[in-house]
Amino acid sequence: SVQAGGSLRLSCAASGAVYSRYCMAWFRQAPGGQREGVAAITGSAITY
């Protein structure tokens, strides 16, 4: 929980398969809503 204007850093630990060659992304699901894409990154660090 944070006040408006604040900051947070989220982390994701991956295991079980090749991670470096996968696309990775963050999604958000608002209360009562559906999952929406937030950001994505390629294995070579290109971001969207």
ModelCIF file with pLDDT and N, C-alpha, C, O atoms, coordinates in Angstrom:
data_MODEL
#
_entry.id   MODEL 
#
_entity.id                         1 
_entity.type                       polymer 
_entity.pdbx_number_of_molecules   1 
#
_entity_poly.entity_id                      1 
_entity_poly.type                           'polypeptide(L)' 
_entity_poly.nstd_linkage                   no 
_entity_poly.nstd_monomer                   no 
_entity_poly.pdbx_seq_one_letter_code       SVQAGGSLRLSCAASGAVYSRYCMAWFRQAPGGQREGVAAITGSAITY 
_entity_poly.pdbx_seq_one_letter_code_can   SVQAGGSLRLSCAASGAVYSRYCMAWFRQAPGGQREGVAAITGSAITY 
_entity_poly.pdbx_strand_id                 A 
#
loop_
_entity_poly_seq.entity_id 
_entity_poly_seq.num 
_entity_poly_seq.mon_id 
_entity_poly_seq.hetero 
1 1  SER n 
1 2  VAL n 
1 3  GLN n 
1 4  ALA n 
1 5  GLY n 
1 6  GLY n 
1 7  SER n 
1 8  LEU n 
1 9  ARG n 
1 10 LEU n 
1 11 SER n 
1 12 CYS n 
1 13 ALA n 
1 14 ALA n 
1 15 SER n 
1 16 GLY n 
1 17 ALA n 
1 18 VAL n 
1 19 TYR n 
1 20 SER n 
1 21 ARG n 
1 22 TYR n 
1 23 CYS n 
1 24 MET n 
1 25 ALA n 
1 26 TRP n 
1 27 PHE n 
1 28 ARG n 
1 29 GLN n 
1 30 ALA n 
1 31 PRO n 
1 32 GLY n 
1 33 GLY n 
1 34 GLN n 
1 35 ARG n 
1 36 GLU n 
1 37 GLY n 
1 38 VAL n 
1 39 ALA n 
1 40 ALA n 
1 41 ILE n 
1 42 THR n 
1 43 GLY n 
1 44 SER n 
1 45 ALA n 
1 46 ILE n 
1 47 THR n 
1 48 TYR n 
#
_struct_asym.id          A 
_struct_asym.entity_id   1 
#
loop_
_ma_qa_metric.id 
_ma_qa_metric.mode 
_ma_qa_metric.name 
_ma_qa_metric.software_group_id 
_ma_qa_metric.type 
1 global pLDDT . pLDDT 
2 local  pLDDT . pLDDT 
#
_ma_qa_metric_global.metric_id      1 
_ma_qa_metric_global.metric_value   91.31 
_ma_qa_metric_global.model_id       1 
_ma_qa_metric_global.ordinal_id     1 
#
loop_
_ma_qa_metric_local.label_asym_id 
_ma_qa_metric_local.label_comp_id 
_ma_qa_metric_local.label_seq_id 
_ma_qa_metric_local.metric_id 
_ma_qa_metric_local.metric_value 
_ma_qa_metric_local.model_id 
_ma_qa_metric_local.ordinal_id 
A SER 1  2 98.00 1 1  
A VAL 2  2 98.00 1 2  
A GLN 3  2 98.00 1 3  
A ALA 4  2 98.00 1 4  
A GLY 5  2 97.00 1 5  
A GLY 6  2 98.00 1 6  
A SER 7  2 98.00 1 7  
A LEU 8  2 98.00 1 8  
A ARG 9  2 98.00 1 9  
A LEU 10 2 98.00 1 10 
A SER 11 2 98.00 1 11 
A CYS 12 2 96.00 1 12 
A ALA 13 2 94.00 1 13 
A ALA 14 2 91.00 1 14 
A SER 15 2 88.00 1 15 
A GLY 16 2 77.00 1 16 
A ALA 17 2 66.00 1 17 
A VAL 18 2 59.00 1 18 
A TYR 19 2 64.00 1 19 
A SER 20 2 72.00 1 20 
A ARG 21 2 77.00 1 21 
A TYR 22 2 84.00 1 22 
A CYS 23 2 92.00 1 23 
A MET 24 2 94.00 1 24 
A ALA 25 2 96.00 1 25 
A TRP 26 2 97.00 1 26 
A PHE 27 2 97.00 1 27 
A ARG 28 2 97.00 1 28 
A GLN 29 2 97.00 1 29 
A ALA 30 2 94.00 1 30 
A PRO 31 2 89.00 1 31 
A GLY 32 2 92.00 1 32 
A GLY 33 2 94.00 1 33 
A GLN 34 2 93.00 1 34 
A ARG 35 2 94.00 1 35 
A GLU 36 2 95.00 1 36 
A GLY 37 2 95.00 1 37 
A VAL 38 2 96.00 1 38 
A ALA 39 2 96.00 1 39 
A ALA 40 2 95.00 1 40 
A ILE 41 2 95.00 1 41 
A THR 42 2 93.00 1 42 
A GLY 43 2 88.00 1 43 
A SER 44 2 88.00 1 44 
A ALA 45 2 90.00 1 45 
A ILE 46 2 93.00 1 46 
A THR 47 2 94.00 1 47 
A TYR 48 2 94.00 1 48 
#
loop_
_atom_site.group_PDB 
_atom_site.id 
_atom_site.type_symbol 
_atom_site.label_atom_id 
_atom_site.label_alt_id 
_atom_site.label_comp_id 
_atom_site.label_asym_id 
_atom_site.label_entity_id 
_atom_site.label_seq_id 
_atom_site.pdbx_PDB_ins_code 
_atom_site.Cartn_x 
_atom_site.Cartn_y 
_atom_site.Cartn_z 
_atom_site.occupancy 
_atom_site.B_iso_or_equiv 
_atom_site.pdbx_formal_charge 
_atom_site.auth_seq_id 
_atom_site.auth_comp_id 
_atom_site.auth_asym_id 
_atom_site.auth_atom_id 
_atom_site.pdbx_PDB_model_num 
ATOM 1   N N  . SER A 1 1  ? 0.840   -1.197  0.000   1.00 98.00 ? 1  SER A N  1 
ATOM 2   C CA . SER A 1 1  ? 0.000   0.000   0.000   1.00 98.00 ? 1  SER A CA 1 
ATOM 3   C C  . SER A 1 1  ? 0.871   1.241   0.000   1.00 98.00 ? 1  SER A C  1 
ATOM 4   O O  . SER A 1 1  ? 1.868   1.316   0.718   1.00 98.00 ? 1  SER A O  1 
ATOM 5   N N  . VAL A 1 2  ? 0.485   2.215   -0.813  1.00 98.00 ? 2  VAL A N  1 
ATOM 6   C CA . VAL A 1 2  ? 1.256   3.445   -0.923  1.00 98.00 ? 2  VAL A CA 1 
ATOM 7   C C  . VAL A 1 2  ? 0.311   4.602   -1.214  1.00 98.00 ? 2  VAL A C  1 
ATOM 8   O O  . VAL A 1 2  ? -0.747  4.413   -1.815  1.00 98.00 ? 2  VAL A O  1 
ATOM 9   N N  . GLN A 1 3  ? 0.693   5.791   -0.790  1.00 98.00 ? 3  GLN A N  1 
ATOM 10  C CA . GLN A 1 3  ? -0.090  6.980   -1.078  1.00 98.00 ? 3  GLN A CA 1 
ATOM 11  C C  . GLN A 1 3  ? 0.154   7.435   -2.513  1.00 98.00 ? 3  GLN A C  1 
ATOM 12  O O  . GLN A 1 3  ? 1.229   7.207   -3.068  1.00 98.00 ? 3  GLN A O  1 
ATOM 13  N N  . ALA A 1 4  ? -0.836  8.072   -3.107  1.00 98.00 ? 4  ALA A N  1 
ATOM 14  C CA . ALA A 1 4  ? -0.677  8.601   -4.453  1.00 98.00 ? 4  ALA A CA 1 
ATOM 15  C C  . ALA A 1 4  ? 0.578   9.465   -4.542  1.00 98.00 ? 4  ALA A C  1 
ATOM 16  O O  . ALA A 1 4  ? 0.859   10.272  -3.656  1.00 98.00 ? 4  ALA A O  1 
ATOM 17  N N  . GLY A 1 5  ? 1.319   9.281   -5.619  1.00 97.00 ? 5  GLY A N  1 
ATOM 18  C CA . GLY A 1 5  ? 2.574   9.983   -5.801  1.00 97.00 ? 5  GLY A CA 1 
ATOM 19  C C  . GLY A 1 5  ? 3.785   9.201   -5.326  1.00 97.00 ? 5  GLY A C  1 
ATOM 20  O O  . GLY A 1 5  ? 4.920   9.592   -5.599  1.00 97.00 ? 5  GLY A O  1 
ATOM 21  N N  . GLY A 1 6  ? 3.562   8.112   -4.626  1.00 98.00 ? 6  GLY A N  1 
ATOM 22  C CA . GLY A 1 6  ? 4.643   7.293   -4.129  1.00 98.00 ? 6  GLY A CA 1 
ATOM 23  C C  . GLY A 1 6  ? 5.173   6.329   -5.165  1.00 98.00 ? 6  GLY A C  1 
ATOM 24  O O  . GLY A 1 6  ? 4.764   6.348   -6.325  1.00 98.00 ? 6  GLY A O  1 
ATOM 25  N N  . SER A 1 7  ? 6.093   5.482   -4.727  1.00 98.00 ? 7  SER A N  1 
ATOM 26  C CA . SER A 1 7  ? 6.759   4.550   -5.627  1.00 98.00 ? 7  SER A CA 1 
ATOM 27  C C  . SER A 1 7  ? 6.789   3.149   -5.047  1.00 98.00 ? 7  SER A C  1 
ATOM 28  O O  . SER A 1 7  ? 6.763   2.964   -3.830  1.00 98.00 ? 7  SER A O  1 
ATOM 29  N N  . LEU A 1 8  ? 6.842   2.171   -5.928  1.00 98.00 ? 8  LEU A N  1 
ATOM 30  C CA . LEU A 1 8  ? 7.007   0.777   -5.555  1.00 98.00 ? 8  LEU A CA 1 
ATOM 31  C C  . LEU A 1 8  ? 7.846   0.086   -6.615  1.00 98.00 ? 8  LEU A C  1 
ATOM 32  O O  . LEU A 1 8  ? 7.845   0.482   -7.780  1.00 98.00 ? 8  LEU A O  1 
ATOM 33  N N  . ARG A 1 9  ? 8.553   -0.939  -6.204  1.00 98.00 ? 9  ARG A N  1 
ATOM 34  C CA . ARG A 1 9  ? 9.276   -1.788  -7.140  1.00 98.00 ? 9  ARG A CA 1 
ATOM 35  C C  . ARG A 1 9  ? 8.799   -3.226  -6.959  1.00 98.00 ? 9  ARG A C  1 
ATOM 36  O O  . ARG A 1 9  ? 8.907   -3.793  -5.871  1.00 98.00 ? 9  ARG A O  1 
ATOM 37  N N  . LEU A 1 10 ? 8.278   -3.802  -8.018  1.00 98.00 ? 10 LEU A N  1 
ATOM 38  C CA . LEU A 1 10 ? 7.833   -5.174  -8.011  1.00 98.00 ? 10 LEU A CA 1 
ATOM 39  C C  . LEU A 1 10 ? 8.926   -6.074  -8.567  1.00 98.00 ? 10 LEU A C  1 
ATOM 40  O O  . LEU A 1 10 ? 9.690   -5.673  -9.445  1.00 98.00 ? 10 LEU A O  1 
ATOM 41  N N  . SER A 1 11 ? 8.991   -7.286  -8.050  1.00 98.00 ? 11 SER A N  1 
ATOM 42  C CA . SER A 1 11 ? 9.959   -8.258  -8.528  1.00 98.00 ? 11 SER A CA 1 
ATOM 43  C C  . SER A 1 11 ? 9.267   -9.563  -8.857  1.00 98.00 ? 11 SER A C  1 
ATOM 44  O O  . SER A 1 11 ? 8.224   -9.890  -8.291  1.00 98.00 ? 11 SER A O  1 
ATOM 45  N N  . CYS A 1 12 ? 9.857   -10.302 -9.773  1.00 96.00 ? 12 CYS A N  1 
ATOM 46  C CA . CYS A 1 12 ? 9.346   -11.603 -10.178 1.00 96.00 ? 12 CYS A CA 1 
ATOM 47  C C  . CYS A 1 12 ? 10.518  -12.557 -10.276 1.00 96.00 ? 12 CYS A C  1 
ATOM 48  O O  . CYS A 1 12 ? 11.463  -12.313 -11.027 1.00 96.00 ? 12 CYS A O  1 
ATOM 49  N N  . ALA A 1 13 ? 10.460  -13.635 -9.526  1.00 94.00 ? 13 ALA A N  1 
ATOM 50  C CA . ALA A 1 13 ? 11.485  -14.668 -9.577  1.00 94.00 ? 13 ALA A CA 1 
ATOM 51  C C  . ALA A 1 13 ? 11.011  -15.800 -10.474 1.00 94.00 ? 13 ALA A C  1 
ATOM 52  O O  . ALA A 1 13 ? 9.917   -16.331 -10.287 1.00 94.00 ? 13 ALA A O  1 
ATOM 53  N N  . ALA A 1 14 ? 11.833  -16.166 -11.444 1.00 91.00 ? 14 ALA A N  1 
ATOM 54  C CA . ALA A 1 14 ? 11.486  -17.204 -12.406 1.00 91.00 ? 14 ALA A CA 1 
ATOM 55  C C  . ALA A 1 14 ? 12.351  -18.439 -12.205 1.00 91.00 ? 14 ALA A C  1 
ATOM 56  O O  . ALA A 1 14 ? 13.536  -18.338 -11.887 1.00 91.00 ? 14 ALA A O  1 
ATOM 57  N N  . SER A 1 15 ? 11.748  -19.594 -12.394 1.00 88.00 ? 15 SER A N  1 
ATOM 58  C CA . SER A 1 15 ? 12.479  -20.850 -12.293 1.00 88.00 ? 15 SER A CA 1 
ATOM 59  C C  . SER A 1 15 ? 11.780  -21.911 -13.135 1.00 88.00 ? 15 SER A C  1 
ATOM 60  O O  . SER A 1 15 ? 10.650  -21.717 -13.582 1.00 88.00 ? 15 SER A O  1 
ATOM 61  N N  . GLY A 1 16 ? 12.462  -23.033 -13.346 1.00 77.00 ? 16 GLY A N  1 
ATOM 62  C CA . GLY A 1 16 ? 11.851  -24.180 -13.992 1.00 77.00 ? 16 GLY A CA 1 
ATOM 63  C C  . GLY A 1 16 ? 12.049  -24.291 -15.497 1.00 77.00 ? 16 GLY A C  1 
ATOM 64  O O  . GLY A 1 16 ? 11.787  -25.347 -16.072 1.00 77.00 ? 16 GLY A O  1 
ATOM 65  N N  . ALA A 1 17 ? 12.510  -23.217 -16.150 1.00 66.00 ? 17 ALA A N  1 
ATOM 66  C CA . ALA A 1 17 ? 12.713  -23.236 -17.588 1.00 66.00 ? 17 ALA A CA 1 
ATOM 67  C C  . ALA A 1 17 ? 13.686  -22.137 -17.973 1.00 66.00 ? 17 ALA A C  1 
ATOM 68  O O  . ALA A 1 17 ? 14.110  -21.353 -17.125 1.00 66.00 ? 17 ALA A O  1 
ATOM 69  N N  . VAL A 1 18 ? 14.039  -22.079 -19.250 1.00 59.00 ? 18 VAL A N  1 
ATOM 70  C CA . VAL A 1 18 ? 14.935  -21.049 -19.755 1.00 59.00 ? 18 VAL A CA 1 
ATOM 71  C C  . VAL A 1 18 ? 14.265  -19.686 -19.637 1.00 59.00 ? 18 VAL A C  1 
ATOM 72  O O  . VAL A 1 18 ? 13.228  -19.436 -20.251 1.00 59.00 ? 18 VAL A O  1 
ATOM 73  N N  . TYR A 1 19 ? 14.860  -18.821 -18.853 1.00 64.00 ? 19 TYR A N  1 
ATOM 74  C CA . TYR A 1 19 ? 14.292  -17.509 -18.595 1.00 64.00 ? 19 TYR A CA 1 
ATOM 75  C C  . TYR A 1 19 ? 14.813  -16.454 -19.550 1.00 64.00 ? 19 TYR A C  1 
ATOM 76  O O  . TYR A 1 19 ? 14.036  -15.626 -20.026 1.00 64.00 ? 19 TYR A O  1 
ATOM 77  N N  . SER A 1 20 ? 16.103  -16.457 -19.844 1.00 72.00 ? 20 SER A N  1 
ATOM 78  C CA . SER A 1 20 ? 16.733  -15.384 -20.601 1.00 72.00 ? 20 SER A CA 1 
ATOM 79  C C  . SER A 1 20 ? 16.227  -15.274 -22.035 1.00 72.00 ? 20 SER A C  1 
ATOM 80  O O  . SER A 1 20 ? 16.327  -14.203 -22.633 1.00 72.00 ? 20 SER A O  1 
ATOM 81  N N  . ARG A 1 21 ? 15.692  -16.338 -22.596 1.00 77.00 ? 21 ARG A N  1 
ATOM 82  C CA . ARG A 1 21 ? 15.215  -16.319 -23.976 1.00 77.00 ? 21 ARG A CA 1 
ATOM 83  C C  . ARG A 1 21 ? 13.704  -16.098 -24.090 1.00 77.00 ? 21 ARG A C  1 
ATOM 84  O O  . ARG A 1 21 ? 13.157  -16.128 -25.192 1.00 77.00 ? 21 ARG A O  1 
ATOM 85  N N  . TYR A 1 22 ? 13.046  -15.881 -22.986 1.00 84.00 ? 22 TYR A N  1 
ATOM 86  C CA . TYR A 1 22 ? 11.602  -15.666 -22.976 1.00 84.00 ? 22 TYR A CA 1 
ATOM 87  C C  . TYR A 1 22 ? 11.264  -14.188 -23.004 1.00 84.00 ? 22 TYR A C  1 
ATOM 88  O O  . TYR A 1 22 ? 11.995  -13.366 -22.452 1.00 84.00 ? 22 TYR A O  1 
ATOM 89  N N  . CYS A 1 23 ? 10.150  -13.850 -23.651 1.00 92.00 ? 23 CYS A N  1 
ATOM 90  C CA . CYS A 1 23 ? 9.532   -12.558 -23.419 1.00 92.00 ? 23 CYS A CA 1 
ATOM 91  C C  . CYS A 1 23 ? 8.972   -12.561 -21.998 1.00 92.00 ? 23 CYS A C  1 
ATOM 92  O O  . CYS A 1 23 ? 8.467   -13.579 -21.525 1.00 92.00 ? 23 CYS A O  1 
ATOM 93  N N  . MET A 1 24 ? 9.063   -11.422 -21.326 1.00 94.00 ? 24 MET A N  1 
ATOM 94  C CA . MET A 1 24 ? 8.501   -11.280 -19.997 1.00 94.00 ? 24 MET A CA 1 
ATOM 95  C C  . MET A 1 24 ? 7.644   -10.027 -19.959 1.00 94.00 ? 24 MET A C  1 
ATOM 96  O O  . MET A 1 24 ? 7.890   -9.074  -20.698 1.00 94.00 ? 24 MET A O  1 
ATOM 97  N N  . ALA A 1 25 ? 6.644   -10.032 -19.101 1.00 96.00 ? 25 ALA A N  1 
ATOM 98  C CA . ALA A 1 25 ? 5.741   -8.888  -19.052 1.00 96.00 ? 25 ALA A CA 1 
ATOM 99  C C  . ALA A 1 25 ? 5.080   -8.775  -17.689 1.00 96.00 ? 25 ALA A C  1 
ATOM 100 O O  . ALA A 1 25 ? 5.043   -9.724  -16.905 1.00 96.00 ? 25 ALA A O  1 
ATOM 101 N N  . TRP A 1 26 ? 4.560   -7.581  -17.433 1.00 97.00 ? 26 TRP A N  1 
ATOM 102 C CA . TRP A 1 26 ? 3.728   -7.322  -16.270 1.00 97.00 ? 26 TRP A CA 1 
ATOM 103 C C  . TRP A 1 26 ? 2.319   -6.969  -16.736 1.00 97.00 ? 26 TRP A C  1 
ATOM 104 O O  . TRP A 1 26 ? 2.133   -6.214  -17.690 1.00 97.00 ? 26 TRP A O  1 
ATOM 105 N N  . PHE A 1 27 ? 1.339   -7.526  -16.048 1.00 97.00 ? 27 PHE A N  1 
ATOM 106 C CA . PHE A 1 27 ? -0.061  -7.234  -16.292 1.00 97.00 ? 27 PHE A CA 1 
ATOM 107 C C  . PHE A 1 27 ? -0.690  -6.731  -15.005 1.00 97.00 ? 27 PHE A C  1 
ATOM 108 O O  . PHE A 1 27 ? -0.198  -7.009  -13.912 1.00 97.00 ? 27 PHE A O  1 
ATOM 109 N N  . ARG A 1 28 ? -1.776  -5.992  -15.139 1.00 97.00 ? 28 ARG A N  1 
ATOM 110 C CA . ARG A 1 28 ? -2.531  -5.517  -13.984 1.00 97.00 ? 28 ARG A CA 1 
ATOM 111 C C  . ARG A 1 28 ? -3.985  -5.929  -14.128 1.00 97.00 ? 28 ARG A C  1 
ATOM 112 O O  . ARG A 1 28 ? -4.558  -5.849  -15.214 1.00 97.00 ? 28 ARG A O  1 
ATOM 113 N N  . GLN A 1 29 ? -4.573  -6.365  -13.036 1.00 97.00 ? 29 GLN A N  1 
ATOM 114 C CA . GLN A 1 29 ? -5.992  -6.652  -12.995 1.00 97.00 ? 29 GLN A CA 1 
ATOM 115 C C  . GLN A 1 29 ? -6.624  -5.790  -11.919 1.00 97.00 ? 29 GLN A C  1 
ATOM 116 O O  . GLN A 1 29 ? -6.397  -6.001  -10.727 1.00 97.00 ? 29 GLN A O  1 
ATOM 117 N N  . ALA A 1 30 ? -7.418  -4.817  -12.343 1.00 94.00 ? 30 ALA A N  1 
ATOM 118 C CA . ALA A 1 30 ? -8.117  -3.947  -11.408 1.00 94.00 ? 30 ALA A CA 1 
ATOM 119 C C  . ALA A 1 30 ? -9.251  -4.719  -10.754 1.00 94.00 ? 30 ALA A C  1 
ATOM 120 O O  . ALA A 1 30 ? -9.726  -5.713  -11.302 1.00 94.00 ? 30 ALA A O  1 
ATOM 121 N N  . PRO A 1 31 ? -9.687  -4.264  -9.582  1.00 89.00 ? 31 PRO A N  1 
ATOM 122 C CA . PRO A 1 31 ? -10.816 -4.933  -8.923  1.00 89.00 ? 31 PRO A CA 1 
ATOM 123 C C  . PRO A 1 31 ? -12.020 -5.032  -9.854  1.00 89.00 ? 31 PRO A C  1 
ATOM 124 O O  . PRO A 1 31 ? -12.495 -4.021  -10.370 1.00 89.00 ? 31 PRO A O  1 
ATOM 125 N N  . GLY A 1 32 ? -12.506 -6.231  -10.064 1.00 92.00 ? 32 GLY A N  1 
ATOM 126 C CA . GLY A 1 32 ? -13.649 -6.444  -10.939 1.00 92.00 ? 32 GLY A CA 1 
ATOM 127 C C  . GLY A 1 32 ? -13.342 -6.348  -12.415 1.00 92.00 ? 32 GLY A C  1 
ATOM 128 O O  . GLY A 1 32 ? -14.256 -6.447  -13.234 1.00 92.00 ? 32 GLY A O  1 
ATOM 129 N N  . GLY A 1 33 ? -12.088 -6.158  -12.785 1.00 94.00 ? 33 GLY A N  1 
ATOM 130 C CA . GLY A 1 33 ? -11.710 -6.005  -14.172 1.00 94.00 ? 33 GLY A CA 1 
ATOM 131 C C  . GLY A 1 33 ? -10.979 -7.209  -14.731 1.00 94.00 ? 33 GLY A C  1 
ATOM 132 O O  . GLY A 1 33 ? -10.913 -8.264  -14.100 1.00 94.00 ? 33 GLY A O  1 
ATOM 133 N N  . GLN A 1 34 ? -10.432 -7.037  -15.925 1.00 93.00 ? 34 GLN A N  1 
ATOM 134 C CA . GLN A 1 34 ? -9.668  -8.087  -16.571 1.00 93.00 ? 34 GLN A CA 1 
ATOM 135 C C  . GLN A 1 34 ? -8.190  -7.709  -16.614 1.00 93.00 ? 34 GLN A C  1 
ATOM 136 O O  . GLN A 1 34 ? -7.824  -6.554  -16.397 1.00 93.00 ? 34 GLN A O  1 
ATOM 137 N N  . ARG A 1 35 ? -7.371  -8.676  -16.890 1.00 94.00 ? 35 ARG A N  1 
ATOM 138 C CA . ARG A 1 35 ? -5.943  -8.418  -16.966 1.00 94.00 ? 35 ARG A CA 1 
ATOM 139 C C  . ARG A 1 35 ? -5.605  -7.557  -18.179 1.00 94.00 ? 35 ARG A C  1 
ATOM 140 O O  . ARG A 1 35 ? -6.072  -7.811  -19.289 1.00 94.00 ? 35 ARG A O  1 
ATOM 141 N N  . GLU A 1 36 ? -4.786  -6.538  -17.947 1.00 95.00 ? 36 GLU A N  1 
ATOM 142 C CA . GLU A 1 36 ? -4.339  -5.652  -19.003 1.00 95.00 ? 36 GLU A CA 1 
ATOM 143 C C  . GLU A 1 36 ? -2.820  -5.574  -18.995 1.00 95.00 ? 36 GLU A C  1 
ATOM 144 O O  . GLU A 1 36 ? -2.197  -5.512  -17.935 1.00 95.00 ? 36 GLU A O  1 
ATOM 145 N N  . GLY A 1 37 ? -2.236  -5.577  -20.173 1.00 95.00 ? 37 GLY A N  1 
ATOM 146 C CA . GLY A 1 37 ? -0.793  -5.478  -20.277 1.00 95.00 ? 37 GLY A CA 1 
ATOM 147 C C  . GLY A 1 37 ? -0.282  -4.131  -19.797 1.00 95.00 ? 37 GLY A C  1 
ATOM 148 O O  . GLY A 1 37 ? -0.870  -3.093  -20.101 1.00 95.00 ? 37 GLY A O  1 
ATOM 149 N N  . VAL A 1 38 ? 0.805   -4.147  -19.053 1.00 96.00 ? 38 VAL A N  1 
ATOM 150 C CA . VAL A 1 38 ? 1.435   -2.939  -18.537 1.00 96.00 ? 38 VAL A CA 1 
ATOM 151 C C  . VAL A 1 38 ? 2.753   -2.667  -19.253 1.00 96.00 ? 38 VAL A C  1 
ATOM 152 O O  . VAL A 1 38 ? 2.968   -1.571  -19.771 1.00 96.00 ? 38 VAL A O  1 
ATOM 153 N N  . ALA A 1 39 ? 3.624   -3.654  -19.282 1.00 96.00 ? 39 ALA A N  1 
ATOM 154 C CA . ALA A 1 39 ? 4.933   -3.501  -19.897 1.00 96.00 ? 39 ALA A CA 1 
ATOM 155 C C  . ALA A 1 39 ? 5.472   -4.867  -20.274 1.00 96.00 ? 39 ALA A C  1 
ATOM 156 O O  . ALA A 1 39 ? 5.141   -5.869  -19.640 1.00 96.00 ? 39 ALA A O  1 
ATOM 157 N N  . ALA A 1 40 ? 6.304   -4.908  -21.309 1.00 95.00 ? 40 ALA A N  1 
ATOM 158 C CA . ALA A 1 40 ? 6.911   -6.149  -21.755 1.00 95.00 ? 40 ALA A CA 1 
ATOM 159 C C  . ALA A 1 40 ? 8.377   -5.914  -22.079 1.00 95.00 ? 40 ALA A C  1 
ATOM 160 O O  . ALA A 1 40 ? 8.790   -4.789  -22.357 1.00 95.00 ? 40 ALA A O  1 
ATOM 161 N N  . ILE A 1 41 ? 9.156   -6.983  -22.041 1.00 95.00 ? 41 ILE A N  1 
ATOM 162 C CA . ILE A 1 41 ? 10.579  -6.881  -22.335 1.00 95.00 ? 41 ILE A CA 1 
ATOM 163 C C  . ILE A 1 41 ? 11.046  -8.152  -23.020 1.00 95.00 ? 41 ILE A C  1 
ATOM 164 O O  . ILE A 1 41 ? 10.646  -9.251  -22.639 1.00 95.00 ? 41 ILE A O  1 
ATOM 165 N N  . THR A 1 42 ? 11.896  -8.003  -24.034 1.00 93.00 ? 42 THR A N  1 
ATOM 166 C CA . THR A 1 42 ? 12.428  -9.138  -24.760 1.00 93.00 ? 42 THR A CA 1 
ATOM 167 C C  . THR A 1 42 ? 13.676  -9.669  -24.074 1.00 93.00 ? 42 THR A C  1 
ATOM 168 O O  . THR A 1 42 ? 14.173  -9.077  -23.117 1.00 93.00 ? 42 THR A O  1 
ATOM 169 N N  . GLY A 1 43 ? 14.176  -10.794 -24.575 1.00 88.00 ? 43 GLY A N  1 
ATOM 170 C CA . GLY A 1 43 ? 15.399  -11.360 -24.043 1.00 88.00 ? 43 GLY A CA 1 
ATOM 171 C C  . GLY A 1 43 ? 16.609  -10.464 -24.225 1.00 88.00 ? 43 GLY A C  1 
ATOM 172 O O  . GLY A 1 43 ? 17.585  -10.583 -23.483 1.00 88.00 ? 43 GLY A O  1 
ATOM 173 N N  . SER A 1 44 ? 16.560  -9.566  -25.207 1.00 88.00 ? 44 SER A N  1 
ATOM 174 C CA . SER A 1 44 ? 17.643  -8.625  -25.438 1.00 88.00 ? 44 SER A CA 1 
ATOM 175 C C  . SER A 1 44 ? 17.349  -7.245  -24.858 1.00 88.00 ? 44 SER A C  1 
ATOM 176 O O  . SER A 1 44 ? 18.019  -6.270  -25.197 1.00 88.00 ? 44 SER A O  1 
ATOM 177 N N  . ALA A 1 45 ? 16.345  -7.164  -23.985 1.00 90.00 ? 45 ALA A N  1 
ATOM 178 C CA . ALA A 1 45 ? 16.035  -5.967  -23.203 1.00 90.00 ? 45 ALA A CA 1 
ATOM 179 C C  . ALA A 1 45 ? 15.346  -4.854  -23.993 1.00 90.00 ? 45 ALA A C  1 
ATOM 180 O O  . ALA A 1 45 ? 15.391  -3.695  -23.579 1.00 90.00 ? 45 ALA A O  1 
ATOM 181 N N  . ILE A 1 46 ? 14.716  -5.176  -25.108 1.00 93.00 ? 46 ILE A N  1 
ATOM 182 C CA . ILE A 1 46 ? 13.857  -4.220  -25.784 1.00 93.00 ? 46 ILE A CA 1 
ATOM 183 C C  . ILE A 1 46 ? 12.541  -4.158  -25.021 1.00 93.00 ? 46 ILE A C  1 
ATOM 184 O O  . ILE A 1 46 ? 11.981  -5.195  -24.665 1.00 93.00 ? 46 ILE A O  1 
ATOM 185 N N  . THR A 1 47 ? 12.048  -2.963  -24.770 1.00 94.00 ? 47 THR A N  1 
ATOM 186 C CA . THR A 1 47 ? 10.876  -2.793  -23.919 1.00 94.00 ? 47 THR A CA 1 
ATOM 187 C C  . THR A 1 47 ? 9.686   -2.232  -24.670 1.00 94.00 ? 47 THR A C  1 
ATOM 188 O O  . THR A 1 47 ? 9.834   -1.544  -25.680 1.00 94.00 ? 47 THR A O  1 
ATOM 189 N N  . TYR A 1 48 ? 8.496   -2.539  -24.156 1.00 94.00 ? 48 TYR A N  1 
ATOM 190 C CA . TYR A 1 48 ? 7.236   -2.052  -24.690 1.00 94.00 ? 48 TYR A CA 1 
ATOM 191 C C  . TYR A 1 48 ? 6.355   -1.661  -23.514 1.00 94.00 ? 48 TYR A C  1 
ATOM 192 O O  . TYR A 1 48 ? 5.225   -1.215  -23.711 1.00 94.00 ? 48 TYR A O  1 
#
